[in-house]
Amino acid sequence: HRIKIGPAITWAHSVLRLPDFNICQCFFGEHLLAAYPQRKVMI
């Protein structure tokens, strides 16, 4: 299970301290859609 007590989640762009970072999230695993065009997608 994910630890939910204390600071146990953060973002890579925050850790890397990238200036003026404009985050626009996508699905985790989205890069696999083109590799498996026939598979049913479970979200």
All heavy atoms as atom14 arrays in JSON, in Angstrom:
{
  "sequence": "HRIKIGPAITWAHSVLRLPDFNICQCFFGEHLLAAYPQRKVMI",
  "atom14_mask": [
    [1, 1, 1, 1, 1, 1, 1, 1, 1, 1, 0, 0, 0, 0],
    [1, 1, 1, 1, 1, 1, 1, 1, 1, 1, 1, 0, 0, 0],
    [1, 1, 1, 1, 1, 1, 1, 1, 0, 0, 0, 0, 0, 0],
    [1, 1, 1, 1, 1, 1, 1, 1, 1, 0, 0, 0, 0, 0],
    [1, 1, 1, 1, 1, 1, 1, 1, 0, 0, 0, 0, 0, 0],
    [1, 1, 1, 1, 0, 0, 0, 0, 0, 0, 0, 0, 0, 0],
    [1, 1, 1, 1, 1, 1, 1, 0, 0, 0, 0, 0, 0, 0],
    [1, 1, 1, 1, 1, 0, 0, 0, 0, 0, 0, 0, 0, 0],
    [1, 1, 1, 1, 1, 1, 1, 1, 0, 0, 0, 0, 0, 0],
    [1, 1, 1, 1, 1, 1, 1, 0, 0, 0, 0, 0, 0, 0],
    [1, 1, 1, 1, 1, 1, 1, 1, 1, 1, 1, 1, 1, 1],
    [1, 1, 1, 1, 1, 0, 0, 0, 0, 0, 0, 0, 0, 0],
    [1, 1, 1, 1, 1, 1, 1, 1, 1, 1, 0, 0, 0, 0],
    [1, 1, 1, 1, 1, 1, 0, 0, 0, 0, 0, 0, 0, 0],
    [1, 1, 1, 1, 1, 1, 1, 0, 0, 0, 0, 0, 0, 0],
    [1, 1, 1, 1, 1, 1, 1, 1, 0, 0, 0, 0, 0, 0],
    [1, 1, 1, 1, 1, 1, 1, 1, 1, 1, 1, 0, 0, 0],
    [1, 1, 1, 1, 1, 1, 1, 1, 0, 0, 0, 0, 0, 0],
    [1, 1, 1, 1, 1, 1, 1, 0, 0, 0, 0, 0, 0, 0],
    [1, 1, 1, 1, 1, 1, 1, 1, 0, 0, 0, 0, 0, 0],
    [1, 1, 1, 1, 1, 1, 1, 1, 1, 1, 1, 0, 0, 0],
    [1, 1, 1, 1, 1, 1, 1, 1, 0, 0, 0, 0, 0, 0],
    [1, 1, 1, 1, 1, 1, 1, 1, 0, 0, 0, 0, 0, 0],
    [1, 1, 1, 1, 1, 1, 0, 0, 0, 0, 0, 0, 0, 0],
    [1, 1, 1, 1, 1, 1, 1, 1, 1, 0, 0, 0, 0, 0],
    [1, 1, 1, 1, 1, 1, 0, 0, 0, 0, 0, 0, 0, 0],
    [1, 1, 1, 1, 1, 1, 1, 1, 1, 1, 1, 0, 0, 0],
    [1, 1, 1, 1, 1, 1, 1, 1, 1, 1, 1, 0, 0, 0],
    [1, 1, 1, 1, 0, 0, 0, 0, 0, 0, 0, 0, 0, 0],
    [1, 1, 1, 1, 1, 1, 1, 1, 1, 0, 0, 0, 0, 0],
    [1, 1, 1, 1, 1, 1, 1, 1, 1, 1, 0, 0, 0, 0],
    [1, 1, 1, 1, 1, 1, 1, 1, 0, 0, 0, 0, 0, 0],
    [1, 1, 1, 1, 1, 1, 1, 1, 0, 0, 0, 0, 0, 0],
    [1, 1, 1, 1, 1, 0, 0, 0, 0, 0, 0, 0, 0, 0],
    [1, 1, 1, 1, 1, 0, 0, 0, 0, 0, 0, 0, 0, 0],
    [1, 1, 1, 1, 1, 1, 1, 1, 1, 1, 1, 1, 0, 0],
    [1, 1, 1, 1, 1, 1, 1, 0, 0, 0, 0, 0, 0, 0],
    [1, 1, 1, 1, 1, 1, 1, 1, 1, 0, 0, 0, 0, 0],
    [1, 1, 1, 1, 1, 1, 1, 1, 1, 1, 1, 0, 0, 0],
    [1, 1, 1, 1, 1, 1, 1, 1, 1, 0, 0, 0, 0, 0],
    [1, 1, 1, 1, 1, 1, 1, 0, 0, 0, 0, 0, 0, 0],
    [1, 1, 1, 1, 1, 1, 1, 1, 0, 0, 0, 0, 0, 0],
    [1, 1, 1, 1, 1, 1, 1, 1, 0, 0, 0, 0, 0, 0]
  ],
  "atom14_positions": [
    [[0.83, -1.2, 0.0], [0.0, 0.0, 0.0], [0.86, 1.25, 0.0], [1.96, 1.25, 0.57], [-0.93, 0.02, 1.22], [-1.99, -1.02, 1.17], [-2.66, -1.45, 2.31], [-2.5, -1.73, 0.15], [-3.54, -2.38, 1.97], [-3.46, -2.56, 0.66], [0.0, 0.0, 0.0], [0.0, 0.0, 0.0], [0.0, 0.0, 0.0], [0.0, 0.0, 0.0]],
    [[0.34, 2.28, -0.62], [1.04, 3.55, -0.58], [0.99, 4.13, 0.82], [-0.05, 4.12, 1.47], [0.41, 4.53, -1.58], [1.07, 5.9, -1.58], [0.52, 6.76, -2.71], [-0.88, 7.09, -2.52], [-1.31, 8.14, -1.81], [-0.42, 8.9, -1.17], [-2.59, 8.4, -1.71], [0.0, 0.0, 0.0], [0.0, 0.0, 0.0], [0.0, 0.0, 0.0]],
    [[2.12, 4.63, 1.28], [2.18, 5.25, 2.6], [1.54, 6.63, 2.52], [1.96, 7.48, 1.73], [3.63, 5.34, 3.1], [4.2, 3.92, 3.3], [3.72, 6.15, 4.38], [5.63, 3.9, 3.74], [0.0, 0.0, 0.0], [0.0, 0.0, 0.0], [0.0, 0.0, 0.0], [0.0, 0.0, 0.0], [0.0, 0.0, 0.0], [0.0, 0.0, 0.0]],
    [[0.5, 6.85, 3.32], [-0.26, 8.09, 3.26], [0.01, 9.02, 4.44], [-0.62, 10.06, 4.58], [-1.76, 7.77, 3.19], [-2.13, 6.94, 1.98], [-3.62, 6.65, 1.92], [-3.98, 5.82, 0.7], [-5.43, 5.53, 0.63], [0.0, 0.0, 0.0], [0.0, 0.0, 0.0], [0.0, 0.0, 0.0], [0.0, 0.0, 0.0], [0.0, 0.0, 0.0]],
    [[0.94, 8.62, 5.3], [1.3, 9.45, 6.46], [2.56, 10.23, 6.12], [3.59, 9.63, 5.75], [1.51, 8.59, 7.71], [0.24, 7.8, 8.05], [1.93, 9.47, 8.89], [0.41, 6.87, 9.22], [0.0, 0.0, 0.0], [0.0, 0.0, 0.0], [0.0, 0.0, 0.0], [0.0, 0.0, 0.0], [0.0, 0.0, 0.0], [0.0, 0.0, 0.0]],
    [[2.5, 11.55, 6.26], [3.67, 12.36, 5.97], [3.84, 12.6, 4.49], [3.05, 12.16, 3.65], [0.0, 0.0, 0.0], [0.0, 0.0, 0.0], [0.0, 0.0, 0.0], [0.0, 0.0, 0.0], [0.0, 0.0, 0.0], [0.0, 0.0, 0.0], [0.0, 0.0, 0.0], [0.0, 0.0, 0.0], [0.0, 0.0, 0.0], [0.0, 0.0, 0.0]],
    [[4.9, 13.31, 4.11], [5.15, 13.62, 2.69], [5.69, 12.39, 1.96], [6.91, 12.18, 1.89], [6.18, 14.74, 2.77], [6.92, 14.5, 4.05], [5.91, 13.91, 5.0], [0.0, 0.0, 0.0], [0.0, 0.0, 0.0], [0.0, 0.0, 0.0], [0.0, 0.0, 0.0], [0.0, 0.0, 0.0], [0.0, 0.0, 0.0], [0.0, 0.0, 0.0]],
    [[4.81, 11.58, 1.41], [5.22, 10.35, 0.73], [4.81, 10.33, -0.73], [4.74, 9.26, -1.34], [4.65, 9.14, 1.46], [0.0, 0.0, 0.0], [0.0, 0.0, 0.0], [0.0, 0.0, 0.0], [0.0, 0.0, 0.0], [0.0, 0.0, 0.0], [0.0, 0.0, 0.0], [0.0, 0.0, 0.0], [0.0, 0.0, 0.0], [0.0, 0.0, 0.0]],
    [[4.55, 11.5, -1.28], [4.22, 11.59, -2.71], [4.65, 12.97, -3.21], [4.46, 13.98, -2.51], [2.71, 11.36, -2.97], [2.41, 11.42, -4.46], [1.87, 12.35, -2.2], [0.99, 11.0, -4.81], [0.0, 0.0, 0.0], [0.0, 0.0, 0.0], [0.0, 0.0, 0.0], [0.0, 0.0, 0.0], [0.0, 0.0, 0.0], [0.0, 0.0, 0.0]],
    [[5.27, 13.02, -4.38], [5.69, 14.28, -4.96], [5.83, 14.09, -6.47], [5.57, 13.0, -6.99], [7.01, 14.79, -4.35], [7.27, 16.11, -4.83], [8.17, 13.88, -4.7], [0.0, 0.0, 0.0], [0.0, 0.0, 0.0], [0.0, 0.0, 0.0], [0.0, 0.0, 0.0], [0.0, 0.0, 0.0], [0.0, 0.0, 0.0], [0.0, 0.0, 0.0]],
    [[6.26, 15.15, -7.16], [6.33, 15.13, -8.62], [7.77, 15.29, -9.07], [8.56, 16.01, -8.44], [5.48, 16.25, -9.22], [4.04, 16.11, -8.9], [3.36, 16.69, -7.87], [3.07, 15.31, -9.6], [2.03, 16.33, -7.9], [1.84, 15.48, -8.95], [3.15, 14.49, -10.72], [0.68, 14.85, -9.37], [1.99, 13.86, -11.16], [0.78, 14.04, -10.49]],
    [[8.1, 14.67, -10.2], [9.46, 14.7, -10.72], [9.88, 16.12, -11.07], [11.02, 16.52, -10.8], [9.58, 13.8, -11.94], [0.0, 0.0, 0.0], [0.0, 0.0, 0.0], [0.0, 0.0, 0.0], [0.0, 0.0, 0.0], [0.0, 0.0, 0.0], [0.0, 0.0, 0.0], [0.0, 0.0, 0.0], [0.0, 0.0, 0.0], [0.0, 0.0, 0.0]],
    [[8.98, 16.91, -11.66], [9.36, 18.27, -12.05], [9.63, 19.14, -10.82], [10.41, 20.1, -10.91], [8.29, 18.9, -12.94], [6.95, 19.03, -12.29], [6.0, 18.03, -12.31], [6.39, 20.05, -11.59], [4.92, 18.43, -11.68], [5.13, 19.64, -11.23], [0.0, 0.0, 0.0], [0.0, 0.0, 0.0], [0.0, 0.0, 0.0], [0.0, 0.0, 0.0]],
    [[9.0, 18.79, -9.68], [9.28, 19.53, -8.45], [10.63, 19.13, -7.88], [11.4, 19.99, -7.44], [8.18, 19.28, -7.42], [6.92, 19.73, -7.88], [0.0, 0.0, 0.0], [0.0, 0.0, 0.0], [0.0, 0.0, 0.0], [0.0, 0.0, 0.0], [0.0, 0.0, 0.0], [0.0, 0.0, 0.0], [0.0, 0.0, 0.0], [0.0, 0.0, 0.0]],
    [[10.93, 17.83, -7.91], [12.21, 17.35, -7.4], [13.36, 17.9, -8.26], [14.42, 18.28, -7.73], [12.24, 15.81, -7.39], [13.62, 15.29, -6.99], [11.19, 15.27, -6.43], [0.0, 0.0, 0.0], [0.0, 0.0, 0.0], [0.0, 0.0, 0.0], [0.0, 0.0, 0.0], [0.0, 0.0, 0.0], [0.0, 0.0, 0.0], [0.0, 0.0, 0.0]],
    [[13.14, 17.96, -9.57], [14.18, 18.47, -10.48], [14.26, 19.99, -10.46], [15.18, 20.56, -11.07], [13.9, 17.98, -11.9], [13.98, 16.47, -12.12], [13.5, 16.1, -13.52], [15.4, 15.96, -11.89], [0.0, 0.0, 0.0], [0.0, 0.0, 0.0], [0.0, 0.0, 0.0], [0.0, 0.0, 0.0], [0.0, 0.0, 0.0], [0.0, 0.0, 0.0]],
    [[13.3, 20.64, -9.82], [13.27, 22.1, -9.7], [13.31, 22.77, -11.08], [14.1, 23.69, -11.33], [14.42, 22.59, -8.83], [14.35, 22.07, -7.39], [15.48, 22.6, -6.55], [15.4, 22.11, -5.18], [16.29, 22.4, -4.22], [17.31, 23.21, -4.49], [16.13, 21.91, -3.01], [0.0, 0.0, 0.0], [0.0, 0.0, 0.0], [0.0, 0.0, 0.0]],
    [[12.46, 22.29, -11.96], [12.39, 22.86, -13.29], [11.6, 24.17, -13.23], [10.46, 24.2, -12.77], [11.71, 21.88, -14.24], [12.44, 20.53, -14.41], [11.66, 19.62, -15.34], [13.85, 20.74, -14.92], [0.0, 0.0, 0.0], [0.0, 0.0, 0.0], [0.0, 0.0, 0.0], [0.0, 0.0, 0.0], [0.0, 0.0, 0.0], [0.0, 0.0, 0.0]],
    [[12.18, 25.28, -13.69], [11.51, 26.59, -13.56], [10.34, 26.72, -14.53], [10.38, 26.21, -15.66], [12.64, 27.58, -13.91], [13.56, 26.81, -14.81], [13.51, 25.38, -14.33], [0.0, 0.0, 0.0], [0.0, 0.0, 0.0], [0.0, 0.0, 0.0], [0.0, 0.0, 0.0], [0.0, 0.0, 0.0], [0.0, 0.0, 0.0], [0.0, 0.0, 0.0]],
    [[9.29, 27.41, -14.06], [8.11, 27.72, -14.89], [7.55, 26.48, -15.57], [7.16, 26.52, -16.75], [8.46, 28.78, -15.94], [8.95, 30.08, -15.31], [8.42, 30.46, -14.26], [9.87, 30.7, -15.88], [0.0, 0.0, 0.0], [0.0, 0.0, 0.0], [0.0, 0.0, 0.0], [0.0, 0.0, 0.0], [0.0, 0.0, 0.0], [0.0, 0.0, 0.0]],
    [[7.5, 25.38, -14.85], [7.02, 24.12, -15.44], [5.5, 24.14, -15.49], [4.82, 24.32, -14.48], [7.48, 22.93, -14.6], [7.32, 21.6, -15.3], [8.34, 21.1, -16.11], [6.16, 20.85, -15.17], [8.21, 19.89, -16.76], [6.02, 19.65, -15.82], [7.04, 19.16, -16.62], [0.0, 0.0, 0.0], [0.0, 0.0, 0.0], [0.0, 0.0, 0.0]],
    [[4.95, 23.96, -16.69], [3.5, 23.93, -16.89], [3.07, 22.48, -17.09], [3.2, 21.92, -18.18], [3.11, 24.77, -18.11], [1.61, 24.81, -18.31], [0.83, 24.75, -17.35], [1.18, 24.9, -19.55], [0.0, 0.0, 0.0], [0.0, 0.0, 0.0], [0.0, 0.0, 0.0], [0.0, 0.0, 0.0], [0.0, 0.0, 0.0], [0.0, 0.0, 0.0]],
    [[2.59, 21.85, -16.03], [2.23, 20.44, -16.07], [0.89, 20.24, -16.77], [-0.07, 20.98, -16.52], [2.21, 19.83, -14.66], [1.86, 18.34, -14.72], [1.24, 20.56, -13.75], [1.96, 17.63, -13.38], [0.0, 0.0, 0.0], [0.0, 0.0, 0.0], [0.0, 0.0, 0.0], [0.0, 0.0, 0.0], [0.0, 0.0, 0.0], [0.0, 0.0, 0.0]],
    [[0.84, 19.27, -17.65], [-0.39, 18.85, -18.31], [-0.36, 17.32, -18.31], [0.28, 16.71, -19.16], [-0.47, 19.42, -19.72], [-2.02, 19.02, -20.57], [0.0, 0.0, 0.0], [0.0, 0.0, 0.0], [0.0, 0.0, 0.0], [0.0, 0.0, 0.0], [0.0, 0.0, 0.0], [0.0, 0.0, 0.0], [0.0, 0.0, 0.0], [0.0, 0.0, 0.0]],
    [[-1.07, 16.72, -17.37], [-0.95, 15.29, -17.16], [-1.57, 14.48, -18.3], [-2.48, 14.93, -18.99], [-1.63, 14.89, -15.84], [-0.98, 15.45, -14.6], [-1.55, 14.83, -13.35], [-1.43, 13.63, -13.11], [-2.2, 15.65, -12.54], [0.0, 0.0, 0.0], [0.0, 0.0, 0.0], [0.0, 0.0, 0.0], [0.0, 0.0, 0.0], [0.0, 0.0, 0.0]],
    [[-1.02, 13.27, -18.47], [-1.6, 12.3, -19.39], [-1.76, 10.99, -18.63], [-1.35, 10.86, -17.47], [-0.72, 12.11, -20.63], [0.87, 11.32, -20.3], [0.0, 0.0, 0.0], [0.0, 0.0, 0.0], [0.0, 0.0, 0.0], [0.0, 0.0, 0.0], [0.0, 0.0, 0.0], [0.0, 0.0, 0.0], [0.0, 0.0, 0.0], [0.0, 0.0, 0.0]],
    [[-2.36, 9.99, -19.26], [-2.56, 8.7, -18.61], [-1.22, 8.0, -18.37], [-0.33, 8.04, -19.23], [-3.46, 7.79, -19.46], [-4.88, 8.24, -19.53], [-5.34, 8.93, -20.64], [-5.76, 7.98, -18.5], [-6.66, 9.34, -20.72], [-7.08, 8.39, -18.56], [-7.53, 9.08, -19.67], [0.0, 0.0, 0.0], [0.0, 0.0, 0.0], [0.0, 0.0, 0.0]],
    [[-1.1, 7.36, -17.23], [0.04, 6.49, -17.0], [-0.12, 5.27, -17.89], [-1.13, 4.58, -17.84], [0.08, 6.07, -15.52], [1.09, 4.99, -15.24], [2.45, 5.24, -15.29], [0.67, 3.7, -14.91], [3.37, 4.24, -15.03], [1.58, 2.7, -14.64], [2.93, 2.97, -14.71], [0.0, 0.0, 0.0], [0.0, 0.0, 0.0], [0.0, 0.0, 0.0]],
    [[0.87, 5.04, -18.76], [0.79, 3.96, -19.72], [0.3, 4.39, -21.09], [0.15, 3.56, -21.98], [0.0, 0.0, 0.0], [0.0, 0.0, 0.0], [0.0, 0.0, 0.0], [0.0, 0.0, 0.0], [0.0, 0.0, 0.0], [0.0, 0.0, 0.0], [0.0, 0.0, 0.0], [0.0, 0.0, 0.0], [0.0, 0.0, 0.0], [0.0, 0.0, 0.0]],
    [[0.06, 5.69, -21.28], [-0.49, 6.18, -22.56], [0.44, 5.86, -23.73], [-0.03, 5.64, -24.86], [-0.73, 7.68, -22.48], [-1.36, 8.29, -23.73], [-1.65, 9.77, -23.58], [-2.25, 10.16, -22.56], [-1.27, 10.52, -24.5], [0.0, 0.0, 0.0], [0.0, 0.0, 0.0], [0.0, 0.0, 0.0], [0.0, 0.0, 0.0], [0.0, 0.0, 0.0]],
    [[1.74, 5.8, -23.5], [2.68, 5.54, -24.58], [2.52, 4.15, -25.18], [3.05, 3.86, -26.26], [4.12, 5.71, -24.08], [4.51, 4.75, -22.99], [4.05, 4.87, -21.7], [5.3, 3.65, -23.0], [4.56, 3.9, -20.96], [5.31, 3.15, -21.73], [0.0, 0.0, 0.0], [0.0, 0.0, 0.0], [0.0, 0.0, 0.0], [0.0, 0.0, 0.0]],
    [[1.74, 3.27, -24.52], [1.54, 1.91, -25.01], [0.33, 1.78, -25.94], [0.12, 0.72, -26.53], [1.37, 0.95, -23.82], [2.56, 0.86, -22.86], [2.21, 0.0, -21.67], [3.79, 0.32, -23.57], [0.0, 0.0, 0.0], [0.0, 0.0, 0.0], [0.0, 0.0, 0.0], [0.0, 0.0, 0.0], [0.0, 0.0, 0.0], [0.0, 0.0, 0.0]],
    [[-0.47, 2.83, -26.06], [-1.68, 2.74, -26.89], [-1.35, 2.39, -28.34], [-2.03, 1.56, -28.95], [-2.45, 4.06, -26.82], [-3.23, 4.32, -25.54], [-3.7, 5.77, -25.47], [-4.42, 3.38, -25.43], [0.0, 0.0, 0.0], [0.0, 0.0, 0.0], [0.0, 0.0, 0.0], [0.0, 0.0, 0.0], [0.0, 0.0, 0.0], [0.0, 0.0, 0.0]],
    [[-0.33, 3.0, -28.89], [0.02, 2.74, -30.29], [0.6, 1.34, -30.46], [0.44, 0.73, -31.53], [1.02, 3.78, -30.78], [0.0, 0.0, 0.0], [0.0, 0.0, 0.0], [0.0, 0.0, 0.0], [0.0, 0.0, 0.0], [0.0, 0.0, 0.0], [0.0, 0.0, 0.0], [0.0, 0.0, 0.0], [0.0, 0.0, 0.0], [0.0, 0.0, 0.0]],
    [[1.25, 0.82, -29.43], [1.87, -0.51, -29.53], [0.84, -1.62, -29.47], [1.1, -2.73, -29.97], [2.91, -0.68, -28.41], [0.0, 0.0, 0.0], [0.0, 0.0, 0.0], [0.0, 0.0, 0.0], [0.0, 0.0, 0.0], [0.0, 0.0, 0.0], [0.0, 0.0, 0.0], [0.0, 0.0, 0.0], [0.0, 0.0, 0.0], [0.0, 0.0, 0.0]],
    [[-0.32, -1.37, -28.86], [-1.37, -2.39, -28.73], [-2.7, -1.82, -29.22], [-3.61, -1.58, -28.43], [-1.47, -2.85, -27.28], [-0.18, -3.41, -26.73], [0.67, -2.62, -25.94], [0.21, -4.72, -27.0], [1.86, -3.13, -25.44], [1.4, -5.23, -26.5], [2.22, -4.43, -25.74], [3.4, -4.94, -25.26], [0.0, 0.0, 0.0], [0.0, 0.0, 0.0]],
    [[-2.83, -1.61, -30.52], [-4.04, -0.93, -31.05], [-5.31, -1.76, -30.93], [-6.4, -1.19, -30.99], [-3.68, -0.68, -32.51], [-2.67, -1.73, -32.84], [-1.89, -1.95, -31.59], [0.0, 0.0, 0.0], [0.0, 0.0, 0.0], [0.0, 0.0, 0.0], [0.0, 0.0, 0.0], [0.0, 0.0, 0.0], [0.0, 0.0, 0.0], [0.0, 0.0, 0.0]],
    [[-5.22, -3.08, -30.78], [-6.4, -3.93, -30.76], [-6.88, -4.26, -29.34], [-7.96, -4.81, -29.18], [-6.12, -5.24, -31.52], [-5.7, -5.03, -32.97], [-6.71, -4.25, -33.77], [-7.92, -4.43, -33.61], [-6.23, -3.38, -34.64], [0.0, 0.0, 0.0], [0.0, 0.0, 0.0], [0.0, 0.0, 0.0], [0.0, 0.0, 0.0], [0.0, 0.0, 0.0]],
    [[-6.08, -3.98, -28.35], [-6.46, -4.37, -26.99], [-7.52, -3.43, -26.4], [-7.48, -2.22, -26.61], [-5.23, -4.38, -26.07], [-4.26, -5.5, -26.36], [-3.2, -5.59, -25.28], [-2.23, -6.62, -25.58], [-1.19, -6.92, -24.81], [-0.99, -6.24, -23.69], [-0.34, -7.87, -25.15], [0.0, 0.0, 0.0], [0.0, 0.0, 0.0], [0.0, 0.0, 0.0]],
    [[-8.42, -4.03, -25.65], [-9.4, -3.23, -24.92], [-8.67, -2.49, -23.8], [-7.8, -3.04, -23.13], [-10.48, -4.13, -24.34], [-11.63, -3.36, -23.72], [-12.81, -4.26, -23.43], [-14.02, -3.46, -22.98], [-15.21, -4.3, -22.82], [0.0, 0.0, 0.0], [0.0, 0.0, 0.0], [0.0, 0.0, 0.0], [0.0, 0.0, 0.0], [0.0, 0.0, 0.0]],
    [[-9.04, -1.24, -23.6], [-8.36, -0.39, -22.64], [-9.12, -0.4, -21.31], [-10.32, -0.14, -21.27], [-8.24, 1.05, -23.16], [-7.55, 1.94, -22.12], [-7.46, 1.07, -24.47], [0.0, 0.0, 0.0], [0.0, 0.0, 0.0], [0.0, 0.0, 0.0], [0.0, 0.0, 0.0], [0.0, 0.0, 0.0], [0.0, 0.0, 0.0], [0.0, 0.0, 0.0]],
    [[-8.42, -0.72, -20.26], [-8.98, -0.7, -18.91], [-8.44, 0.54, -18.2], [-7.23, 0.68, -18.04], [-8.59, -1.95, -18.13], [-8.8, -3.25, -18.91], [-10.53, -3.7, -19.05], [-10.72, -4.81, -17.68], [0.0, 0.0, 0.0], [0.0, 0.0, 0.0], [0.0, 0.0, 0.0], [0.0, 0.0, 0.0], [0.0, 0.0, 0.0], [0.0, 0.0, 0.0]],
    [[-9.32, 1.44, -17.78], [-8.92, 2.65, -17.08], [-9.16, 2.45, -15.58], [-10.28, 2.18, -15.16], [-9.69, 3.88, -17.56], [-9.58, 4.04, -19.08], [-9.19, 5.13, -16.86], [-8.23, 4.41, -19.57], [0.0, 0.0, 0.0], [0.0, 0.0, 0.0], [0.0, 0.0, 0.0], [0.0, 0.0, 0.0], [0.0, 0.0, 0.0], [0.0, 0.0, 0.0]]
  ]
}
